[in-house]
Amino acid sequence: MKNSKREEIVSHSAKKLFNIVLDIQSYPEYIPWCTKMVINEKKSDEIFADMYVKYKFILTQKFGSHVKFNKKELTIQTSYLEGPLKDLKTNWKFEEVKINKSKIIFEVNFEFKNFIHQKIAETFYPLIENKMIESFKGRADSLLD
């Protein structure tokens, strides 16, 4: 299983950044490989959703997820339900450092069912992670500046 933890300081409020990441139905607007999001069920502190992902040279794939969130603690946890992976978990934590400056802590653990896919994903994961984090930061900059 591939594990990664990343921390970033961002010049926006933690609560506003939390809301941007939680706005999963907007992902197709700015996450390059996300082509569609389907919200299957939404409750006060959880969402069941399907993300449709299209990478170059690979057919579109569906990733079903259970998203739990806590608006007071500014945390978002995603558990994998179905798709091409064996497992996927993500954790987001948003901490206010000072006014309009926050620390984002992002953790991910994933494992593909197929060994070859796993090795390819591990090779390219740093590029994918950077692109994803930069996409969220760009979204924040465009909405909050």
N, C-alpha and C. Protein backbone atom coordinates (compact mmCIF):
# COMPACT_ATOMS: atom_id res chain seq x y z
N MET A 1 0.85 -1.18 0.00
CA MET A 1 0.00 0.00 0.00
C MET A 1 0.89 1.24 0.00
N LYS A 2 0.55 2.22 -0.82
CA LYS A 2 1.29 3.49 -0.91
C LYS A 2 0.70 4.45 0.11
N ASN A 3 1.59 5.06 0.91
CA ASN A 3 1.19 6.04 1.91
C ASN A 3 1.91 7.35 1.64
N SER A 4 1.20 8.44 1.85
CA SER A 4 1.80 9.76 1.66
C SER A 4 1.17 10.74 2.64
N LYS A 5 1.99 11.63 3.15
CA LYS A 5 1.48 12.71 4.01
C LYS A 5 2.14 14.00 3.55
N ARG A 6 1.32 15.01 3.38
CA ARG A 6 1.84 16.29 2.88
C ARG A 6 1.23 17.42 3.68
N GLU A 7 2.04 18.42 4.01
CA GLU A 7 1.57 19.61 4.71
C GLU A 7 1.91 20.83 3.87
N GLU A 8 0.96 21.74 3.78
CA GLU A 8 1.14 22.97 3.00
C GLU A 8 0.61 24.15 3.80
N ILE A 9 1.31 25.26 3.72
CA ILE A 9 0.80 26.52 4.27
C ILE A 9 0.18 27.29 3.11
N VAL A 10 -1.06 27.72 3.30
CA VAL A 10 -1.81 28.40 2.24
C VAL A 10 -2.36 29.71 2.79
N SER A 11 -2.36 30.74 1.97
CA SER A 11 -2.78 32.08 2.39
C SER A 11 -4.29 32.29 2.25
N HIS A 12 -5.04 31.44 2.93
CA HIS A 12 -6.50 31.56 3.00
C HIS A 12 -6.96 30.98 4.33
N SER A 13 -8.18 31.31 4.72
CA SER A 13 -8.68 30.79 6.00
C SER A 13 -8.94 29.29 5.91
N ALA A 14 -8.73 28.60 7.03
CA ALA A 14 -8.92 27.15 7.09
C ALA A 14 -10.36 26.77 6.75
N LYS A 15 -11.31 27.52 7.27
CA LYS A 15 -12.72 27.19 7.03
C LYS A 15 -13.07 27.32 5.54
N LYS A 16 -12.59 28.35 4.89
CA LYS A 16 -12.87 28.53 3.47
C LYS A 16 -12.21 27.44 2.63
N LEU A 17 -11.00 27.04 3.00
CA LEU A 17 -10.32 25.95 2.29
C LEU A 17 -11.07 24.63 2.49
N PHE A 18 -11.50 24.38 3.71
CA PHE A 18 -12.31 23.20 4.01
C PHE A 18 -13.53 23.15 3.10
N ASN A 19 -14.23 24.28 2.97
CA ASN A 19 -15.44 24.33 2.14
C ASN A 19 -15.15 24.07 0.67
N ILE A 20 -14.00 24.52 0.18
CA ILE A 20 -13.64 24.27 -1.21
C ILE A 20 -13.39 22.78 -1.44
N VAL A 21 -12.65 22.14 -0.55
CA VAL A 21 -12.37 20.71 -0.71
C VAL A 21 -13.66 19.89 -0.55
N LEU A 22 -14.54 20.31 0.34
CA LEU A 22 -15.79 19.59 0.57
C LEU A 22 -16.78 19.77 -0.58
N ASP A 23 -16.62 20.78 -1.39
CA ASP A 23 -17.51 21.04 -2.53
C ASP A 23 -17.16 20.09 -3.68
N ILE A 24 -17.36 18.81 -3.44
CA ILE A 24 -16.90 17.80 -4.39
C ILE A 24 -17.63 17.84 -5.73
N GLN A 25 -18.87 18.33 -5.74
CA GLN A 25 -19.59 18.39 -7.01
C GLN A 25 -18.95 19.37 -7.99
N SER A 26 -18.07 20.25 -7.51
CA SER A 26 -17.37 21.19 -8.39
C SER A 26 -16.04 20.66 -8.91
N TYR A 27 -15.59 19.51 -8.46
CA TYR A 27 -14.30 18.97 -8.89
C TYR A 27 -14.11 18.93 -10.40
N PRO A 28 -15.12 18.54 -11.18
CA PRO A 28 -14.89 18.50 -12.64
C PRO A 28 -14.52 19.85 -13.25
N GLU A 29 -14.82 20.95 -12.55
CA GLU A 29 -14.48 22.28 -13.05
C GLU A 29 -12.99 22.58 -12.98
N TYR A 30 -12.25 21.90 -12.08
CA TYR A 30 -10.86 22.28 -11.90
C TYR A 30 -9.88 21.14 -11.62
N ILE A 31 -10.35 19.95 -11.35
CA ILE A 31 -9.45 18.81 -11.19
C ILE A 31 -9.29 18.19 -12.58
N PRO A 32 -8.09 18.22 -13.15
CA PRO A 32 -7.90 17.87 -14.56
C PRO A 32 -8.43 16.50 -14.98
N TRP A 33 -8.29 15.49 -14.18
CA TRP A 33 -8.69 14.15 -14.58
C TRP A 33 -10.09 13.77 -14.15
N CYS A 34 -10.76 14.62 -13.37
CA CYS A 34 -12.12 14.35 -12.91
C CYS A 34 -13.11 14.84 -13.97
N THR A 35 -13.84 13.91 -14.59
CA THR A 35 -14.77 14.28 -15.65
C THR A 35 -16.20 14.45 -15.16
N LYS A 36 -16.54 13.80 -14.03
CA LYS A 36 -17.91 13.88 -13.54
C LYS A 36 -17.96 13.45 -12.08
N MET A 37 -18.84 14.10 -11.30
CA MET A 37 -19.12 13.70 -9.92
C MET A 37 -20.62 13.45 -9.80
N VAL A 38 -20.96 12.36 -9.16
CA VAL A 38 -22.37 12.04 -8.90
C VAL A 38 -22.53 11.90 -7.40
N ILE A 39 -23.38 12.75 -6.81
CA ILE A 39 -23.68 12.66 -5.39
C ILE A 39 -24.85 11.70 -5.25
N ASN A 40 -24.61 10.56 -4.61
CA ASN A 40 -25.65 9.56 -4.43
C ASN A 40 -26.50 9.81 -3.19
N GLU A 41 -25.87 10.35 -2.16
CA GLU A 41 -26.57 10.66 -0.91
C GLU A 41 -25.75 11.68 -0.14
N LYS A 42 -26.44 12.66 0.47
CA LYS A 42 -25.76 13.68 1.25
C LYS A 42 -26.50 13.85 2.56
N LYS A 43 -25.76 13.76 3.66
CA LYS A 43 -26.31 13.94 5.00
C LYS A 43 -25.58 15.10 5.66
N SER A 44 -25.90 15.36 6.92
CA SER A 44 -25.32 16.51 7.61
C SER A 44 -23.81 16.39 7.80
N ASP A 45 -23.28 15.17 7.84
CA ASP A 45 -21.84 15.01 8.05
C ASP A 45 -21.20 13.93 7.18
N GLU A 46 -21.90 13.54 6.12
CA GLU A 46 -21.33 12.54 5.22
C GLU A 46 -21.96 12.61 3.84
N ILE A 47 -21.19 12.15 2.86
CA ILE A 47 -21.61 12.15 1.46
C ILE A 47 -21.20 10.81 0.85
N PHE A 48 -22.08 10.23 0.06
CA PHE A 48 -21.74 9.06 -0.75
C PHE A 48 -21.72 9.55 -2.19
N ALA A 49 -20.58 9.36 -2.87
CA ALA A 49 -20.43 9.94 -4.20
C ALA A 49 -19.59 9.04 -5.09
N ASP A 50 -19.77 9.22 -6.40
CA ASP A 50 -18.96 8.55 -7.40
C ASP A 50 -18.19 9.60 -8.20
N MET A 51 -16.88 9.41 -8.29
CA MET A 51 -16.04 10.27 -9.10
C MET A 51 -15.65 9.49 -10.35
N TYR A 52 -15.83 10.12 -11.50
CA TYR A 52 -15.43 9.50 -12.77
C TYR A 52 -14.12 10.14 -13.20
N VAL A 53 -13.12 9.30 -13.42
CA VAL A 53 -11.76 9.74 -13.67
C VAL A 53 -11.30 9.23 -15.03
N LYS A 54 -10.68 10.12 -15.79
CA LYS A 54 -10.14 9.76 -17.11
C LYS A 54 -8.70 10.22 -17.16
N TYR A 55 -7.79 9.24 -17.17
CA TYR A 55 -6.37 9.52 -17.37
C TYR A 55 -6.03 9.26 -18.82
N LYS A 56 -4.97 9.88 -19.28
CA LYS A 56 -4.51 9.69 -20.65
C LYS A 56 -4.29 8.20 -20.92
N PHE A 57 -4.80 7.71 -22.02
CA PHE A 57 -4.63 6.34 -22.48
C PHE A 57 -5.34 5.28 -21.62
N ILE A 58 -6.19 5.71 -20.69
CA ILE A 58 -6.92 4.76 -19.84
C ILE A 58 -8.40 5.11 -19.93
N LEU A 59 -9.24 4.10 -20.03
CA LEU A 59 -10.68 4.33 -20.08
C LEU A 59 -11.17 5.00 -18.79
N THR A 60 -12.28 5.73 -18.89
CA THR A 60 -12.87 6.37 -17.72
C THR A 60 -13.21 5.31 -16.68
N GLN A 61 -12.87 5.62 -15.43
CA GLN A 61 -13.14 4.69 -14.34
C GLN A 61 -13.93 5.39 -13.25
N LYS A 62 -14.78 4.62 -12.57
CA LYS A 62 -15.60 5.15 -11.49
C LYS A 62 -14.99 4.76 -10.15
N PHE A 63 -14.89 5.76 -9.27
CA PHE A 63 -14.40 5.56 -7.91
C PHE A 63 -15.52 5.94 -6.96
N GLY A 64 -16.10 4.95 -6.30
CA GLY A 64 -17.15 5.21 -5.33
C GLY A 64 -16.54 5.48 -3.96
N SER A 65 -17.04 6.52 -3.27
CA SER A 65 -16.45 6.92 -2.00
C SER A 65 -17.51 7.30 -0.97
N HIS A 66 -17.12 7.12 0.28
CA HIS A 66 -17.89 7.58 1.44
C HIS A 66 -17.06 8.68 2.08
N VAL A 67 -17.61 9.89 2.09
CA VAL A 67 -16.90 11.06 2.61
C VAL A 67 -17.54 11.46 3.94
N LYS A 68 -16.74 11.44 4.99
CA LYS A 68 -17.21 11.91 6.31
C LYS A 68 -16.49 13.21 6.60
N PHE A 69 -17.25 14.18 7.15
CA PHE A 69 -16.62 15.47 7.43
C PHE A 69 -17.12 16.03 8.75
N ASN A 70 -16.26 16.87 9.35
CA ASN A 70 -16.57 17.51 10.61
C ASN A 70 -16.30 19.00 10.44
N LYS A 71 -17.37 19.79 10.43
CA LYS A 71 -17.25 21.22 10.19
C LYS A 71 -16.59 21.96 11.36
N LYS A 72 -16.72 21.43 12.57
CA LYS A 72 -16.08 22.08 13.73
C LYS A 72 -14.59 21.80 13.77
N GLU A 73 -14.19 20.56 13.48
CA GLU A 73 -12.78 20.19 13.52
C GLU A 73 -12.09 20.44 12.18
N LEU A 74 -12.86 20.79 11.16
CA LEU A 74 -12.35 21.04 9.81
C LEU A 74 -11.55 19.84 9.28
N THR A 75 -12.21 18.68 9.33
CA THR A 75 -11.61 17.44 8.83
C THR A 75 -12.52 16.80 7.79
N ILE A 76 -11.89 16.14 6.83
CA ILE A 76 -12.61 15.40 5.79
C ILE A 76 -11.89 14.06 5.64
N GLN A 77 -12.65 12.97 5.75
CA GLN A 77 -12.09 11.63 5.60
C GLN A 77 -12.86 10.91 4.50
N THR A 78 -12.12 10.32 3.59
CA THR A 78 -12.74 9.59 2.49
C THR A 78 -12.35 8.12 2.57
N SER A 79 -13.35 7.26 2.46
CA SER A 79 -13.13 5.82 2.41
C SER A 79 -13.63 5.32 1.07
N TYR A 80 -12.90 4.43 0.52
CA TYR A 80 -13.17 3.86 -0.80
C TYR A 80 -14.27 2.80 -0.71
N LEU A 81 -15.19 2.82 -1.67
CA LEU A 81 -16.27 1.83 -1.71
C LEU A 81 -16.15 0.87 -2.89
N GLU A 82 -15.89 1.42 -4.10
CA GLU A 82 -15.81 0.55 -5.27
C GLU A 82 -15.02 1.20 -6.40
N GLY A 83 -14.49 0.35 -7.28
CA GLY A 83 -13.73 0.83 -8.42
C GLY A 83 -12.51 -0.03 -8.65
N PRO A 84 -11.50 0.52 -9.35
CA PRO A 84 -10.33 -0.28 -9.75
C PRO A 84 -9.31 -0.50 -8.63
N LEU A 85 -9.52 0.10 -7.48
CA LEU A 85 -8.56 -0.04 -6.40
C LEU A 85 -8.95 -1.16 -5.44
N LYS A 86 -7.97 -1.57 -4.68
CA LYS A 86 -8.22 -2.50 -3.59
C LYS A 86 -8.66 -1.69 -2.37
N ASP A 87 -8.01 -0.52 -2.18
CA ASP A 87 -8.35 0.35 -1.06
C ASP A 87 -7.85 1.76 -1.33
N LEU A 88 -8.53 2.74 -0.73
CA LEU A 88 -8.12 4.14 -0.81
C LEU A 88 -8.70 4.86 0.40
N LYS A 89 -7.85 5.57 1.10
CA LYS A 89 -8.30 6.41 2.21
C LYS A 89 -7.58 7.75 2.09
N THR A 90 -8.33 8.83 2.29
CA THR A 90 -7.72 10.15 2.34
C THR A 90 -8.18 10.85 3.61
N ASN A 91 -7.32 11.69 4.12
CA ASN A 91 -7.64 12.53 5.28
C ASN A 91 -7.15 13.94 5.01
N TRP A 92 -8.04 14.89 5.22
CA TRP A 92 -7.71 16.30 5.11
C TRP A 92 -7.92 16.92 6.49
N LYS A 93 -6.99 17.76 6.91
CA LYS A 93 -7.16 18.55 8.14
C LYS A 93 -6.72 19.96 7.82
N PHE A 94 -7.54 20.92 8.24
CA PHE A 94 -7.29 22.33 7.97
C PHE A 94 -7.11 23.04 9.31
N GLU A 95 -5.95 23.66 9.51
CA GLU A 95 -5.65 24.34 10.76
C GLU A 95 -5.36 25.81 10.50
N GLU A 96 -6.02 26.68 11.26
CA GLU A 96 -5.79 28.11 11.14
C GLU A 96 -4.44 28.43 11.79
N VAL A 97 -3.53 29.04 11.04
CA VAL A 97 -2.23 29.43 11.58
C VAL A 97 -2.34 30.85 12.12
N LYS A 98 -2.89 31.72 11.32
CA LYS A 98 -3.26 33.08 11.71
C LYS A 98 -4.31 33.55 10.72
N ILE A 99 -4.80 34.75 10.86
CA ILE A 99 -5.86 35.23 9.97
C ILE A 99 -5.41 35.09 8.52
N ASN A 100 -6.24 34.40 7.74
CA ASN A 100 -5.99 34.16 6.31
C ASN A 100 -4.67 33.43 6.02
N LYS A 101 -4.27 32.58 6.94
CA LYS A 101 -3.11 31.70 6.70
C LYS A 101 -3.41 30.39 7.42
N SER A 102 -3.34 29.29 6.65
CA SER A 102 -3.71 27.99 7.20
C SER A 102 -2.71 26.92 6.83
N LYS A 103 -2.72 25.87 7.64
CA LYS A 103 -1.94 24.68 7.32
C LYS A 103 -2.92 23.59 6.89
N ILE A 104 -2.64 23.01 5.71
CA ILE A 104 -3.42 21.89 5.21
C ILE A 104 -2.57 20.64 5.41
N ILE A 105 -3.16 19.64 6.03
CA ILE A 105 -2.49 18.35 6.18
C ILE A 105 -3.30 17.35 5.36
N PHE A 106 -2.65 16.75 4.38
CA PHE A 106 -3.30 15.80 3.47
C PHE A 106 -2.58 14.47 3.55
N GLU A 107 -3.34 13.42 3.86
CA GLU A 107 -2.78 12.06 3.91
C GLU A 107 -3.57 11.17 2.96
N VAL A 108 -2.86 10.28 2.30
CA VAL A 108 -3.52 9.33 1.39
C VAL A 108 -2.84 7.97 1.52
N ASN A 109 -3.66 6.93 1.47
CA ASN A 109 -3.20 5.54 1.43
C ASN A 109 -3.99 4.87 0.31
N PHE A 110 -3.29 4.23 -0.62
CA PHE A 110 -4.01 3.55 -1.69
C PHE A 110 -3.30 2.29 -2.12
N GLU A 111 -4.10 1.38 -2.67
CA GLU A 111 -3.56 0.14 -3.21
C GLU A 111 -4.46 -0.31 -4.35
N PHE A 112 -3.86 -0.57 -5.51
CA PHE A 112 -4.58 -1.10 -6.65
C PHE A 112 -4.73 -2.61 -6.52
N LYS A 113 -5.76 -3.15 -7.14
CA LYS A 113 -5.95 -4.60 -7.18
C LYS A 113 -4.85 -5.25 -8.02
N ASN A 114 -4.45 -4.58 -9.09
CA ASN A 114 -3.47 -5.10 -10.03
C ASN A 114 -2.07 -4.60 -9.65
N PHE A 115 -1.11 -5.51 -9.52
CA PHE A 115 0.25 -5.19 -9.11
C PHE A 115 0.92 -4.20 -10.07
N ILE A 116 0.75 -4.42 -11.36
CA ILE A 116 1.38 -3.52 -12.35
C ILE A 116 0.79 -2.12 -12.25
N HIS A 117 -0.53 -2.02 -12.10
CA HIS A 117 -1.16 -0.71 -11.93
C HIS A 117 -0.63 -0.02 -10.66
N GLN A 118 -0.43 -0.81 -9.61
CA GLN A 118 0.10 -0.26 -8.36
C GLN A 118 1.48 0.34 -8.57
N LYS A 119 2.35 -0.37 -9.26
CA LYS A 119 3.71 0.12 -9.48
C LYS A 119 3.72 1.37 -10.37
N ILE A 120 2.86 1.39 -11.37
CA ILE A 120 2.75 2.59 -12.23
C ILE A 120 2.26 3.77 -11.39
N ALA A 121 1.22 3.53 -10.58
CA ALA A 121 0.66 4.59 -9.75
C ALA A 121 1.70 5.12 -8.75
N GLU A 122 2.46 4.23 -8.16
CA GLU A 122 3.49 4.65 -7.21
C GLU A 122 4.56 5.50 -7.90
N THR A 123 4.88 5.16 -9.13
CA THR A 123 5.87 5.92 -9.89
C THR A 123 5.38 7.34 -10.17
N PHE A 124 4.13 7.46 -10.58
CA PHE A 124 3.59 8.76 -10.98
C PHE A 124 2.86 9.49 -9.86
N TYR A 125 2.74 8.87 -8.69
CA TYR A 125 1.96 9.49 -7.62
C TYR A 125 2.45 10.90 -7.24
N PRO A 126 3.75 11.13 -7.10
CA PRO A 126 4.17 12.50 -6.74
C PRO A 126 3.67 13.55 -7.73
N LEU A 127 3.67 13.24 -9.01
CA LEU A 127 3.16 14.18 -10.02
C LEU A 127 1.66 14.39 -9.86
N ILE A 128 0.93 13.31 -9.63
CA ILE A 128 -0.53 13.39 -9.47
C ILE A 128 -0.87 14.17 -8.20
N GLU A 129 -0.17 13.87 -7.11
CA GLU A 129 -0.42 14.57 -5.85
C GLU A 129 -0.14 16.07 -6.01
N ASN A 130 0.99 16.43 -6.64
CA ASN A 130 1.30 17.84 -6.85
C ASN A 130 0.22 18.53 -7.68
N LYS A 131 -0.22 17.87 -8.73
CA LYS A 131 -1.25 18.45 -9.60
C LYS A 131 -2.55 18.66 -8.83
N MET A 132 -2.92 17.68 -8.01
CA MET A 132 -4.15 17.79 -7.24
C MET A 132 -4.07 18.93 -6.22
N ILE A 133 -2.99 18.99 -5.46
CA ILE A 133 -2.83 20.05 -4.47
C ILE A 133 -2.80 21.43 -5.16
N GLU A 134 -2.08 21.53 -6.25
CA GLU A 134 -2.02 22.80 -6.99
C GLU A 134 -3.40 23.18 -7.54
N SER A 135 -4.19 22.19 -7.95
CA SER A 135 -5.54 22.47 -8.44
C SER A 135 -6.41 23.04 -7.33
N PHE A 136 -6.32 22.47 -6.13
CA PHE A 136 -7.10 23.00 -5.00
C PHE A 136 -6.63 24.40 -4.62
N LYS A 137 -5.32 24.61 -4.60
CA LYS A 137 -4.80 25.94 -4.27
C LYS A 137 -5.21 26.96 -5.33
N GLY A 138 -5.16 26.57 -6.60
CA GLY A 138 -5.60 27.46 -7.67
C GLY A 138 -7.08 27.80 -7.55
N ARG A 139 -7.87 26.81 -7.20
CA ARG A 139 -9.32 27.05 -7.00
C ARG A 139 -9.52 28.04 -5.87
N ALA A 140 -8.80 27.86 -4.77
CA ALA A 140 -8.92 28.78 -3.65
C ALA A 140 -8.52 30.19 -4.06
N ASP A 141 -7.40 30.30 -4.77
CA ASP A 141 -6.94 31.62 -5.22
C ASP A 141 -7.97 32.30 -6.11
N SER A 142 -8.59 31.54 -7.01
CA SER A 142 -9.55 32.14 -7.94
C SER A 142 -10.86 32.51 -7.26
N LEU A 143 -11.28 31.75 -6.25
CA LEU A 143 -12.55 32.05 -5.58
C LEU A 143 -12.40 33.04 -4.43
N LEU A 144 -11.24 33.05 -3.77
CA LEU A 144 -11.10 33.81 -2.54
C LEU A 144 -10.31 35.09 -2.68
N ASP A 145 -9.68 35.32 -3.82
CA ASP A 145 -8.92 36.58 -3.99
C ASP A 145 -9.77 37.66 -4.60
